[in-house]
Amino acid sequence: MAKFTVTFNEKECKGCELCVVSCPKKIIALNMEITNDAGYSPASIKDMDSCIGCASCARMCPDCVITIVKND
């Protein structure tokens, strides 16, 4: 089980990629397979097991669509 679970509110994500560039582990990417109602491809985690829970992505998100939970 991954140490952290990172979720994105896909309906609200604008695909600005600020989270992508801020991630020190480079495990966030836009999910080009889907688009939300606004026409944007939302961000998603490519490798949850590699997340270190630093919250850089959440701090950079201008729309607060990222949630990070520590798994026990």
C-alpha atoms as a PDB file:
ATOM      1  CA  MET A   1       0.000   0.000   0.000  1.00  0.00           C
ATOM      2  CA  ALA A   2       1.195   3.493  -0.835  1.00  0.00           C
ATOM      3  CA  LYS A   3       2.190   5.758   2.058  1.00  0.00           C
ATOM      4  CA  PHE A   4       0.043   8.584   0.672  1.00  0.00           C
ATOM      5  CA  THR A   5      -3.059   8.866  -1.482  1.00  0.00           C
ATOM      6  CA  VAL A   6      -3.279  11.877  -3.761  1.00  0.00           C
ATOM      7  CA  THR A   7      -6.563  12.702  -5.429  1.00  0.00           C
ATOM      8  CA  PHE A   8      -7.525  15.409  -7.889  1.00  0.00           C
ATOM      9  CA  ASN A   9     -10.973  16.925  -8.283  1.00  0.00           C
ATOM     10  CA  GLU A  10     -11.079  16.159 -11.994  1.00  0.00           C
ATOM     11  CA  LYS A  11     -14.184  18.298 -12.545  1.00  0.00           C
ATOM     12  CA  GLU A  12     -12.403  21.442 -11.289  1.00  0.00           C
ATOM     13  CA  CYS A  13      -8.849  20.847 -12.591  1.00  0.00           C
ATOM     14  CA  LYS A  14      -7.881  23.254 -15.393  1.00  0.00           C
ATOM     15  CA  GLY A  15      -4.810  21.309 -16.489  1.00  0.00           C
ATOM     16  CA  CYS A  16      -2.481  24.238 -15.794  1.00  0.00           C
ATOM     17  CA  GLU A  17       0.376  21.806 -14.996  1.00  0.00           C
ATOM     18  CA  LEU A  18       1.677  23.801 -12.006  1.00  0.00           C
ATOM     19  CA  CYS A  19       1.458  20.605  -9.972  1.00  0.00           C
ATOM     20  CA  VAL A  20       3.339  18.708 -12.676  1.00  0.00           C
ATOM     21  CA  VAL A  21       6.324  21.061 -12.610  1.00  0.00           C
ATOM     22  CA  SER A  22       6.343  21.391  -8.814  1.00  0.00           C
ATOM     23  CA  CYS A  23       6.467  17.643  -8.057  1.00  0.00           C
ATOM     24  CA  PRO A  24      10.015  16.705  -6.984  1.00  0.00           C
ATOM     25  CA  LYS A  25       9.384  13.036  -7.839  1.00  0.00           C
ATOM     26  CA  LYS A  26       7.948  13.867 -11.310  1.00  0.00           C
ATOM     27  CA  ILE A  27       4.992  11.495 -10.821  1.00  0.00           C
ATOM     28  CA  ILE A  28       2.176  13.841 -11.893  1.00  0.00           C
ATOM     29  CA  ALA A  29       0.994  14.179 -15.477  1.00  0.00           C
ATOM     30  CA  LEU A  30      -2.083  15.337 -17.313  1.00  0.00           C
ATOM     31  CA  ASN A  31      -4.454  12.487 -18.113  1.00  0.00           C
ATOM     32  CA  MET A  32      -4.857  13.017 -21.835  1.00  0.00           C
ATOM     33  CA  GLU A  33      -7.369  10.150 -22.066  1.00  0.00           C
ATOM     34  CA  ILE A  34     -10.149  12.169 -20.430  1.00  0.00           C
ATOM     35  CA  THR A  35     -11.503  15.701 -20.411  1.00  0.00           C
ATOM     36  CA  ASN A  36     -13.740  17.349 -17.841  1.00  0.00           C
ATOM     37  CA  ASP A  37     -16.902  19.328 -18.617  1.00  0.00           C
ATOM     38  CA  ALA A  38     -14.806  22.471 -19.152  1.00  0.00           C
ATOM     39  CA  GLY A  39     -12.721  20.669 -21.803  1.00  0.00           C
ATOM     40  CA  TYR A  40      -9.519  20.319 -19.788  1.00  0.00           C
ATOM     41  CA  SER A  41      -7.411  17.200 -19.295  1.00  0.00           C
ATOM     42  CA  PRO A  42      -7.025  16.894 -15.512  1.00  0.00           C
ATOM     43  CA  ALA A  43      -3.838  15.995 -13.689  1.00  0.00           C
ATOM     44  CA  SER A  44      -3.306  12.572 -12.147  1.00  0.00           C
ATOM     45  CA  ILE A  45      -0.640  10.564 -10.343  1.00  0.00           C
ATOM     46  CA  LYS A  46       1.384   8.149 -12.477  1.00  0.00           C
ATOM     47  CA  ASP A  47       3.019   6.282  -9.559  1.00  0.00           C
ATOM     48  CA  MET A  48       1.281   6.622  -6.187  1.00  0.00           C
ATOM     49  CA  ASP A  49       3.884   4.428  -4.448  1.00  0.00           C
ATOM     50  CA  SER A  50       6.583   7.015  -5.206  1.00  0.00           C
ATOM     51  CA  CYS A  51       4.712   9.919  -3.568  1.00  0.00           C
ATOM     52  CA  ILE A  52       6.588  11.332  -0.561  1.00  0.00           C
ATOM     53  CA  GLY A  53       3.673  13.447   0.675  1.00  0.00           C
ATOM     54  CA  CYS A  54       5.515  16.751   0.394  1.00  0.00           C
ATOM     55  CA  ALA A  55       2.329  18.546  -0.767  1.00  0.00           C
ATOM     56  CA  SER A  56       4.236  20.705  -3.265  1.00  0.00           C
ATOM     57  CA  CYS A  57       1.526  19.967  -5.795  1.00  0.00           C
ATOM     58  CA  ALA A  58      -1.298  20.984  -3.470  1.00  0.00           C
ATOM     59  CA  ARG A  59       0.433  24.217  -2.460  1.00  0.00           C
ATOM     60  CA  MET A  60       0.946  25.203  -6.112  1.00  0.00           C
ATOM     61  CA  CYS A  61      -2.614  24.448  -7.232  1.00  0.00           C
ATOM     62  CA  PRO A  62      -4.454  27.752  -7.767  1.00  0.00           C
ATOM     63  CA  ASP A  63      -7.833  26.008  -7.594  1.00  0.00           C
ATOM     64  CA  CYS A  64      -7.200  23.744  -4.576  1.00  0.00           C
ATOM     65  CA  VAL A  65      -8.232  20.569  -6.402  1.00  0.00           C
ATOM     66  CA  ILE A  66      -5.574  18.313  -4.823  1.00  0.00           C
ATOM     67  CA  THR A  67      -6.057  16.288  -1.644  1.00  0.00           C
ATOM     68  CA  ILE A  68      -3.259  14.328   0.041  1.00  0.00           C
ATOM     69  CA  VAL A  69      -4.000  11.740   2.702  1.00  0.00           C
ATOM     70  CA  LYS A  70      -1.421   9.827   4.727  1.00  0.00           C
ATOM     71  CA  ASN A  71      -2.225   6.122   4.821  1.00  0.00           C
ATOM     72  CA  ASP A  72      -1.645   4.288   8.076  1.00  0.00           C
END
